[in-house]
């Protein structure tokens, strides 16, 4: 028999905290849904439900529009942690 790995069930942290509105100005909350290259992470990796993933996506796009989060990370100027730039 092949032993399959059992992964823990991912859960929506926004549902658990009973958050209705994801604010685009709260960068500490949004950085968990971004990769190290500031790409939006999918639901299967973050564990968010569909409703909160859509609101997180909209919040990240609004934060990019207001220049709180960069659209891309410069490849020439590599930093150890890009989230230190966000404050």
PDB file of N, CA and C in Angstrom:
ATOM      1  N   UNK A   1       0.843  -1.187   0.000  1.00  0.00           N
ATOM      2  CA  UNK A   1       0.000   0.000   0.000  1.00  0.00           C
ATOM      3  C   UNK A   1       0.882   1.243   0.000  1.00  0.00           C
ATOM      4  N   UNK A   2       0.410   2.202  -0.707  1.00  0.00           N
ATOM      5  CA  UNK A   2       1.116   3.479  -0.746  1.00  0.00           C
ATOM      6  C   UNK A   2       0.590   4.363   0.381  1.00  0.00           C
ATOM      7  N   UNK A   3       1.523   4.812   1.191  1.00  0.00           N
ATOM      8  CA  UNK A   3       1.122   5.722   2.266  1.00  0.00           C
ATOM      9  C   UNK A   3       1.022   7.131   1.707  1.00  0.00           C
ATOM     10  N   UNK A   4      -0.128   7.714   1.820  1.00  0.00           N
ATOM     11  CA  UNK A   4      -0.324   9.082   1.350  1.00  0.00           C
ATOM     12  C   UNK A   4      -0.140  10.043   2.515  1.00  0.00           C
ATOM     13  N   UNK A   5       0.426  11.193   2.180  1.00  0.00           N
ATOM     14  CA  UNK A   5       0.591  12.210   3.203  1.00  0.00           C
ATOM     15  C   UNK A   5      -0.763  12.794   3.554  1.00  0.00           C
ATOM     16  N   UNK A   6      -0.966  13.004   4.809  1.00  0.00           N
ATOM     17  CA  UNK A   6      -2.196  13.642   5.254  1.00  0.00           C
ATOM     18  C   UNK A   6      -1.870  15.084   5.605  1.00  0.00           C
ATOM     19  N   UNK A   7      -2.470  15.976   4.871  1.00  0.00           N
ATOM     20  CA  UNK A   7      -2.250  17.390   5.099  1.00  0.00           C
ATOM     21  C   UNK A   7      -3.322  17.922   6.034  1.00  0.00           C
ATOM     22  N   UNK A   8      -2.959  18.928   6.794  1.00  0.00           N
ATOM     23  CA  UNK A   8      -3.970  19.526   7.658  1.00  0.00           C
ATOM     24  C   UNK A   8      -4.929  20.355   6.816  1.00  0.00           C
ATOM     25  N   UNK A   9      -6.158  20.413   7.238  1.00  0.00           N
ATOM     26  CA  UNK A   9      -7.170  21.134   6.500  1.00  0.00           C
ATOM     27  C   UNK A   9      -6.925  22.626   6.643  1.00  0.00           C
ATOM     28  N   UNK A  10      -6.932  23.295   5.518  1.00  0.00           N
ATOM     29  CA  UNK A  10      -6.746  24.739   5.543  1.00  0.00           C
ATOM     30  C   UNK A  10      -8.078  25.390   5.868  1.00  0.00           C
ATOM     31  N   UNK A  11      -8.019  26.494   6.536  1.00  0.00           N
ATOM     32  CA  UNK A  11      -9.223  27.188   6.942  1.00  0.00           C
ATOM     33  C   UNK A  11      -9.089  28.660   6.577  1.00  0.00           C
ATOM     34  N   UNK A  12     -10.209  29.297   6.472  1.00  0.00           N
ATOM     35  CA  UNK A  12     -10.237  30.716   6.145  1.00  0.00           C
ATOM     36  C   UNK A  12     -10.040  31.508   7.432  1.00  0.00           C
ATOM     37  N   UNK A  13      -8.934  32.227   7.507  1.00  0.00           N
ATOM     38  CA  UNK A  13      -8.660  32.983   8.730  1.00  0.00           C
ATOM     39  C   UNK A  13      -9.580  34.184   8.870  1.00  0.00           C
ATOM     40  N   UNK A  14     -10.166  34.641   7.768  1.00  0.00           N
ATOM     41  CA  UNK A  14     -11.097  35.763   7.829  1.00  0.00           C
ATOM     42  C   UNK A  14     -12.445  35.307   8.379  1.00  0.00           C
ATOM     43  N   UNK A  15     -12.871  34.100   8.026  1.00  0.00           N
ATOM     44  CA  UNK A  15     -14.113  33.560   8.589  1.00  0.00           C
ATOM     45  C   UNK A  15     -13.938  33.265  10.077  1.00  0.00           C
ATOM     46  N   UNK A  16     -12.783  32.770  10.436  1.00  0.00           N
ATOM     47  CA  UNK A  16     -12.526  32.447  11.834  1.00  0.00           C
ATOM     48  C   UNK A  16     -12.498  33.702  12.705  1.00  0.00           C
ATOM     49  N   UNK A  17     -11.954  34.790  12.159  1.00  0.00           N
ATOM     50  CA  UNK A  17     -11.902  36.051  12.904  1.00  0.00           C
ATOM     51  C   UNK A  17     -13.180  36.873  12.716  1.00  0.00           C
ATOM     52  N   UNK A  18     -14.111  36.365  11.912  1.00  0.00           N
ATOM     53  CA  UNK A  18     -15.394  37.018  11.632  1.00  0.00           C
ATOM     54  C   UNK A  18     -15.206  38.420  11.069  1.00  0.00           C
ATOM     55  N   UNK A  19     -14.348  38.505  10.050  1.00  0.00           N
ATOM     56  CA  UNK A  19     -14.080  39.773   9.375  1.00  0.00           C
ATOM     57  C   UNK A  19     -14.974  39.846   8.145  1.00  0.00           C
ATOM     58  N   UNK A  20     -15.757  40.911   8.047  1.00  0.00           N
ATOM     59  CA  UNK A  20     -16.654  41.076   6.903  1.00  0.00           C
ATOM     60  C   UNK A  20     -15.993  41.865   5.782  1.00  0.00           C
ATOM     61  N   UNK A  21     -15.200  42.853   6.138  1.00  0.00           N
ATOM     62  CA  UNK A  21     -14.611  43.747   5.145  1.00  0.00           C
ATOM     63  C   UNK A  21     -13.091  43.698   5.270  1.00  0.00           C
ATOM     64  N   UNK A  22     -12.422  43.430   4.159  1.00  0.00           N
ATOM     65  CA  UNK A  22     -10.960  43.419   4.141  1.00  0.00           C
ATOM     66  C   UNK A  22     -10.503  44.803   3.689  1.00  0.00           C
ATOM     67  N   UNK A  23      -9.834  45.516   4.574  1.00  0.00           N
ATOM     68  CA  UNK A  23      -9.426  46.885   4.288  1.00  0.00           C
ATOM     69  C   UNK A  23      -8.127  46.888   3.488  1.00  0.00           C
ATOM     70  N   UNK A  24      -8.084  47.707   2.451  1.00  0.00           N
ATOM     71  CA  UNK A  24      -6.891  47.754   1.601  1.00  0.00           C
ATOM     72  C   UNK A  24      -5.753  48.512   2.269  1.00  0.00           C
ATOM     73  N   UNK A  25      -6.029  49.273   3.317  1.00  0.00           N
ATOM     74  CA  UNK A  25      -4.986  50.030   4.003  1.00  0.00           C
ATOM     75  C   UNK A  25      -4.283  49.220   5.087  1.00  0.00           C
ATOM     76  N   UNK A  26      -4.837  48.065   5.428  1.00  0.00           N
ATOM     77  CA  UNK A  26      -4.235  47.205   6.443  1.00  0.00           C
ATOM     78  C   UNK A  26      -3.245  46.259   5.775  1.00  0.00           C
ATOM     79  N   UNK A  27      -2.001  46.712   5.642  1.00  0.00           N
ATOM     80  CA  UNK A  27      -0.998  45.959   4.888  1.00  0.00           C
ATOM     81  C   UNK A  27      -0.493  44.741   5.644  1.00  0.00           C
ATOM     82  N   UNK A  28      -0.538  44.770   6.967  1.00  0.00           N
ATOM     83  CA  UNK A  28      -0.104  43.594   7.729  1.00  0.00           C
ATOM     84  C   UNK A  28      -1.023  42.415   7.498  1.00  0.00           C
ATOM     85  N   UNK A  29      -2.284  42.670   7.253  1.00  0.00           N
ATOM     86  CA  UNK A  29      -3.236  41.603   6.977  1.00  0.00           C
ATOM     87  C   UNK A  29      -3.120  41.123   5.527  1.00  0.00           C
ATOM     88  N   UNK A  30      -2.809  42.021   4.619  1.00  0.00           N
ATOM     89  CA  UNK A  30      -2.740  41.664   3.203  1.00  0.00           C
ATOM     90  C   UNK A  30      -1.455  40.930   2.834  1.00  0.00           C
ATOM     91  N   UNK A  31      -0.384  41.123   3.600  1.00  0.00           N
ATOM     92  CA  UNK A  31       0.890  40.542   3.196  1.00  0.00           C
ATOM     93  C   UNK A  31       0.904  39.013   3.292  1.00  0.00           C
ATOM     94  N   UNK A  32      -0.056  38.427   4.025  1.00  0.00           N
ATOM     95  CA  UNK A  32      -0.136  36.969   4.087  1.00  0.00           C
ATOM     96  C   UNK A  32      -0.755  36.379   2.825  1.00  0.00           C
ATOM     97  N   UNK A  33      -1.365  37.213   2.008  1.00  0.00           N
ATOM     98  CA  UNK A  33      -1.952  36.747   0.758  1.00  0.00           C
ATOM     99  C   UNK A  33      -1.090  37.105  -0.441  1.00  0.00           C
ATOM    100  N   UNK A  34       0.115  37.585  -0.198  1.00  0.00           N
ATOM    101  CA  UNK A  34       1.043  37.944  -1.268  1.00  0.00           C
ATOM    102  C   UNK A  34       2.276  37.056  -1.202  1.00  0.00           C
ATOM    103  N   UNK A  35       2.820  36.740  -2.372  1.00  0.00           N
ATOM    104  CA  UNK A  35       4.066  35.980  -2.408  1.00  0.00           C
ATOM    105  C   UNK A  35       5.239  36.938  -2.215  1.00  0.00           C
ATOM    106  N   UNK A  36       6.456  36.407  -2.220  1.00  0.00           N
ATOM    107  CA  UNK A  36       7.629  37.258  -2.023  1.00  0.00           C
ATOM    108  C   UNK A  36       7.876  38.175  -3.210  1.00  0.00           C
ATOM    109  N   UNK A  37       7.245  37.892  -4.349  1.00  0.00           N
ATOM    110  CA  UNK A  37       7.349  38.758  -5.525  1.00  0.00           C
ATOM    111  C   UNK A  37       6.097  39.598  -5.697  1.00  0.00           C
ATOM    112  N   UNK A  38       5.306  39.713  -4.638  1.00  0.00           N
ATOM    113  CA  UNK A  38       4.087  40.513  -4.581  1.00  0.00           C
ATOM    114  C   UNK A  38       3.014  40.045  -5.562  1.00  0.00           C
ATOM    115  N   UNK A  39       2.947  38.749  -5.782  1.00  0.00           N
ATOM    116  CA  UNK A  39       1.861  38.181  -6.569  1.00  0.00           C
ATOM    117  C   UNK A  39       0.775  37.708  -5.612  1.00  0.00           C
ATOM    118  N   UNK A  40      -0.468  37.733  -6.081  1.00  0.00           N
ATOM    119  CA  UNK A  40      -1.578  37.300  -5.251  1.00  0.00           C
ATOM    120  C   UNK A  40      -1.562  35.778  -5.188  1.00  0.00           C
ATOM    121  N   UNK A  41      -1.576  35.239  -3.975  1.00  0.00           N
ATOM    122  CA  UNK A  41      -1.533  33.786  -3.807  1.00  0.00           C
ATOM    123  C   UNK A  41      -2.931  33.199  -3.994  1.00  0.00           C
ATOM    124  N   UNK A  42      -3.023  32.005  -4.583  1.00  0.00           N
ATOM    125  CA  UNK A  42      -4.337  31.398  -4.828  1.00  0.00           C
ATOM    126  C   UNK A  42      -4.973  30.842  -3.561  1.00  0.00           C
ATOM    127  N   UNK A  43      -6.242  30.510  -3.684  1.00  0.00           N
ATOM    128  CA  UNK A  43      -7.017  29.995  -2.553  1.00  0.00           C
ATOM    129  C   UNK A  43      -6.468  28.689  -2.018  1.00  0.00           C
ATOM    130  N   UNK A  44      -5.974  27.851  -2.879  1.00  0.00           N
ATOM    131  CA  UNK A  44      -5.508  26.540  -2.434  1.00  0.00           C
ATOM    132  C   UNK A  44      -4.270  26.644  -1.555  1.00  0.00           C
ATOM    133  N   UNK A  45      -3.543  27.753  -1.654  1.00  0.00           N
ATOM    134  CA  UNK A  45      -2.375  27.947  -0.798  1.00  0.00           C
ATOM    135  C   UNK A  45      -2.701  28.735   0.464  1.00  0.00           C
ATOM    136  N   UNK A  46      -3.587  29.711   0.353  1.00  0.00           N
ATOM    137  CA  UNK A  46      -3.911  30.531   1.522  1.00  0.00           C
ATOM    138  C   UNK A  46      -4.995  29.899   2.377  1.00  0.00           C
ATOM    139  N   UNK A  47      -5.892  29.116   1.778  1.00  0.00           N
ATOM    140  CA  UNK A  47      -6.961  28.495   2.533  1.00  0.00           C
ATOM    141  C   UNK A  47      -8.182  29.381   2.699  1.00  0.00           C
ATOM    142  N   UNK A  48      -8.213  30.509   2.009  1.00  0.00           N
ATOM    143  CA  UNK A  48      -9.356  31.407   2.123  1.00  0.00           C
ATOM    144  C   UNK A  48     -10.574  30.831   1.422  1.00  0.00           C
ATOM    145  N   UNK A  49     -11.748  31.232   1.897  1.00  0.00           N
ATOM    146  CA  UNK A  49     -12.969  30.846   1.204  1.00  0.00           C
ATOM    147  C   UNK A  49     -13.128  31.753  -0.017  1.00  0.00           C
ATOM    148  N   UNK A  50     -14.071  31.405  -0.875  1.00  0.00           N
ATOM    149  CA  UNK A  50     -14.234  32.129  -2.134  1.00  0.00           C
ATOM    150  C   UNK A  50     -14.588  33.592  -1.907  1.00  0.00           C
ATOM    151  N   UNK A  51     -15.479  33.836  -0.974  1.00  0.00           N
ATOM    152  CA  UNK A  51     -15.934  35.202  -0.718  1.00  0.00           C
ATOM    153  C   UNK A  51     -14.790  36.086  -0.218  1.00  0.00           C
ATOM    154  N   UNK A  52     -14.002  35.565   0.717  1.00  0.00           N
ATOM    155  CA  UNK A  52     -12.911  36.371   1.260  1.00  0.00           C
ATOM    156  C   UNK A  52     -11.735  36.466   0.289  1.00  0.00           C
ATOM    157  N   UNK A  53     -11.519  35.451  -0.530  1.00  0.00           N
ATOM    158  CA  UNK A  53     -10.449  35.533  -1.517  1.00  0.00           C
ATOM    159  C   UNK A  53     -10.745  36.624  -2.531  1.00  0.00           C
ATOM    160  N   UNK A  54     -12.001  36.753  -2.928  1.00  0.00           N
ATOM    161  CA  UNK A  54     -12.379  37.819  -3.869  1.00  0.00           C
ATOM    162  C   UNK A  54     -12.192  39.192  -3.233  1.00  0.00           C
ATOM    163  N   UNK A  55     -12.541  39.328  -1.963  1.00  0.00           N
ATOM    164  CA  UNK A  55     -12.387  40.622  -1.304  1.00  0.00           C
ATOM    165  C   UNK A  55     -10.911  40.942  -1.052  1.00  0.00           C
ATOM    166  N   UNK A  56     -10.098  39.927  -0.791  1.00  0.00           N
ATOM    167  CA  UNK A  56      -8.655  40.140  -0.636  1.00  0.00           C
ATOM    168  C   UNK A  56      -8.049  40.586  -1.957  1.00  0.00           C
ATOM    169  N   UNK A  57      -8.479  39.968  -3.047  1.00  0.00           N
ATOM    170  CA  UNK A  57      -7.975  40.334  -4.370  1.00  0.00           C
ATOM    171  C   UNK A  57      -8.307  41.781  -4.697  1.00  0.00           C
ATOM    172  N   UNK A  58      -9.527  42.187  -4.415  1.00  0.00           N
ATOM    173  CA  UNK A  58      -9.932  43.573  -4.663  1.00  0.00           C
ATOM    174  C   UNK A  58      -9.136  44.523  -3.781  1.00  0.00           C
ATOM    175  N   UNK A  59      -8.918  44.153  -2.520  1.00  0.00           N
ATOM    176  CA  UNK A  59      -8.156  45.005  -1.602  1.00  0.00           C
ATOM    177  C   UNK A  59      -6.706  45.151  -2.050  1.00  0.00           C
ATOM    178  N   UNK A  60      -6.103  44.069  -2.539  1.00  0.00           N
ATOM    179  CA  UNK A  60      -4.718  44.140  -3.015  1.00  0.00           C
ATOM    180  C   UNK A  60      -4.633  45.012  -4.259  1.00  0.00           C
ATOM    181  N   UNK A  61      -5.593  44.893  -5.147  1.00  0.00           N
ATOM    182  CA  UNK A  61      -5.595  45.727  -6.352  1.00  0.00           C
ATOM    183  C   UNK A  61      -5.783  47.199  -6.004  1.00  0.00           C
ATOM    184  N   UNK A  62      -6.604  47.492  -5.004  1.00  0.00           N
ATOM    185  CA  UNK A  62      -6.782  48.882  -4.569  1.00  0.00           C
ATOM    186  C   UNK A  62      -5.520  49.408  -3.911  1.00  0.00           C
ATOM    187  N   UNK A  63      -4.842  48.575  -3.143  1.00  0.00           N
ATOM    188  CA  UNK A  63      -3.597  48.998  -2.496  1.00  0.00           C
ATOM    189  C   UNK A  63      -2.512  49.244  -3.536  1.00  0.00           C
ATOM    190  N   UNK A  64      -2.504  48.475  -4.603  1.00  0.00           N
ATOM    191  CA  UNK A  64      -1.549  48.718  -5.682  1.00  0.00           C
ATOM    192  C   UNK A  64      -1.864  50.030  -6.397  1.00  0.00           C
ATOM    193  N   UNK A  65      -3.145  50.306  -6.595  1.00  0.00           N
ATOM    194  CA  UNK A  65      -3.557  51.517  -7.288  1.00  0.00           C
ATOM    195  C   UNK A  65      -3.165  52.764  -6.499  1.00  0.00           C
ATOM    196  N   UNK A  66      -3.245  52.683  -5.170  1.00  0.00           N
ATOM    197  CA  UNK A  66      -2.876  53.821  -4.329  1.00  0.00           C
ATOM    198  C   UNK A  66      -1.394  53.813  -3.950  1.00  0.00           C
ATOM    199  N   UNK A  67      -0.617  52.929  -4.536  1.00  0.00           N
ATOM    200  CA  UNK A  67       0.842  52.838  -4.370  1.00  0.00           C
ATOM    201  C   UNK A  67       1.251  52.440  -2.962  1.00  0.00           C
ATOM    202  N   UNK A  68       0.425  51.665  -2.269  1.00  0.00           N
ATOM    203  CA  UNK A  68       0.827  51.125  -0.975  1.00  0.00           C
ATOM    204  C   UNK A  68       1.621  49.836  -1.145  1.00  0.00           C
ATOM    205  N   UNK A  69       1.332  49.101  -2.213  1.00  0.00           N
ATOM    206  CA  UNK A  69       2.023  47.857  -2.548  1.00  0.00           C
ATOM    207  C   UNK A  69       2.543  47.999  -3.973  1.00  0.00           C
ATOM    208  N   UNK A  70       3.789  47.616  -4.241  1.00  0.00           N
ATOM    209  CA  UNK A  70       4.284  47.715  -5.616  1.00  0.00           C
ATOM    210  C   UNK A  70       3.656  46.654  -6.517  1.00  0.00           C
ATOM    211  N   UNK A  71       3.579  46.973  -7.801  1.00  0.00           N
ATOM    212  CA  UNK A  71       3.061  45.999  -8.756  1.00  0.00           C
ATOM    213  C   UNK A  71       4.046  44.859  -8.957  1.00  0.00           C
ATOM    214  N   UNK A  72       5.330  45.196  -9.083  1.00  0.00           N
ATOM    215  CA  UNK A  72       6.364  44.190  -9.294  1.00  0.00           C
ATOM    216  C   UNK A  72       7.560  44.508  -8.397  1.00  0.00           C
ATOM    217  N   UNK A  73       8.413  43.525  -8.231  1.00  0.00           N
ATOM    218  CA  UNK A  73       9.659  43.710  -7.501  1.00  0.00           C
ATOM    219  C   UNK A  73      10.773  43.779  -8.523  1.00  0.00           C
ATOM    220  N   UNK A  74      11.643  44.746  -8.375  1.00  0.00           N
ATOM    221  CA  UNK A  74      12.741  44.935  -9.312  1.00  0.00           C
ATOM    222  C   UNK A  74      13.726  43.777  -9.193  1.00  0.00           C
ATOM    223  N   UNK A  75      14.058  43.159 -10.296  1.00  0.00           N
ATOM    224  CA  UNK A  75      14.980  42.022 -10.280  1.00  0.00           C
ATOM    225  C   UNK A  75      16.423  42.447 -10.040  1.00  0.00           C
ATOM    226  N   UNK A  76      16.756  43.678 -10.415  1.00  0.00           N
ATOM    227  CA  UNK A  76      18.136  44.133 -10.264  1.00  0.00           C
ATOM    228  C   UNK A  76      18.464  44.460  -8.816  1.00  0.00           C
ATOM    229  N   UNK A  77      17.517  45.025  -8.104  1.00  0.00           N
ATOM    230  CA  UNK A  77      17.731  45.373  -6.703  1.00  0.00           C
ATOM    231  C   UNK A  77      17.039  44.330  -5.832  1.00  0.00           C
ATOM    232  N   UNK A  78      17.697  43.216  -5.621  1.00  0.00           N
ATOM    233  CA  UNK A  78      17.120  42.124  -4.851  1.00  0.00           C
ATOM    234  C   UNK A  78      17.300  42.416  -3.364  1.00  0.00           C
ATOM    235  N   UNK A  79      16.206  42.261  -2.618  1.00  0.00           N
ATOM    236  CA  UNK A  79      16.263  42.460  -1.175  1.00  0.00           C
ATOM    237  C   UNK A  79      15.951  41.134  -0.498  1.00  0.00           C
ATOM    238  N   UNK A  80      16.359  41.006   0.754  1.00  0.00           N
ATOM    239  CA  UNK A  80      16.113  39.762   1.484  1.00  0.00           C
ATOM    240  C   UNK A  80      14.632  39.558   1.745  1.00  0.00           C
ATOM    241  N   UNK A  81      13.981  40.572   2.239  1.00  0.00           N
ATOM    242  CA  UNK A  81      12.562  40.473   2.553  1.00  0.00           C
ATOM    243  C   UNK A  81      11.843  41.694   1.973  1.00  0.00           C
ATOM    244  N   UNK A  82      11.055  41.496   0.925  1.00  0.00           N
ATOM    245  CA  UNK A  82      10.379  42.651   0.322  1.00  0.00           C
ATOM    246  C   UNK A  82       9.303  43.245   1.218  1.00  0.00           C
ATOM    247  N   UNK A  83       8.848  42.487   2.229  1.00  0.00           N
ATOM    248  CA  UNK A  83       7.801  42.993   3.109  1.00  0.00           C
ATOM    249  C   UNK A  83       8.333  44.017   4.099  1.00  0.00           C
ATOM    250  N   UNK A  84       9.656  44.144   4.216  1.00  0.00           N
ATOM    251  CA  UNK A  84      10.213  45.199   5.049  1.00  0.00           C
ATOM    252  C   UNK A  84      10.036  46.561   4.402  1.00  0.00           C
ATOM    253  N   UNK A  85       9.843  46.582   3.079  1.00  0.00           N
ATOM    254  CA  UNK A  85       9.605  47.838   2.387  1.00  0.00           C
ATOM    255  C   UNK A  85       8.219  48.372   2.704  1.00  0.00           C
ATOM    256  N   UNK A  86       7.279  47.480   3.019  1.00  0.00           N
ATOM    257  CA  UNK A  86       5.907  47.878   3.324  1.00  0.00           C
ATOM    258  C   UNK A  86       5.839  48.311   4.772  1.00  0.00           C
ATOM    259  N   UNK A  87       5.422  49.507   5.000  1.00  0.00           N
ATOM    260  CA  UNK A  87       5.235  49.993   6.379  1.00  0.00           C
ATOM    261  C   UNK A  87       4.189  51.025   6.407  1.00  0.00           C
TER     262      UNK A  87
END
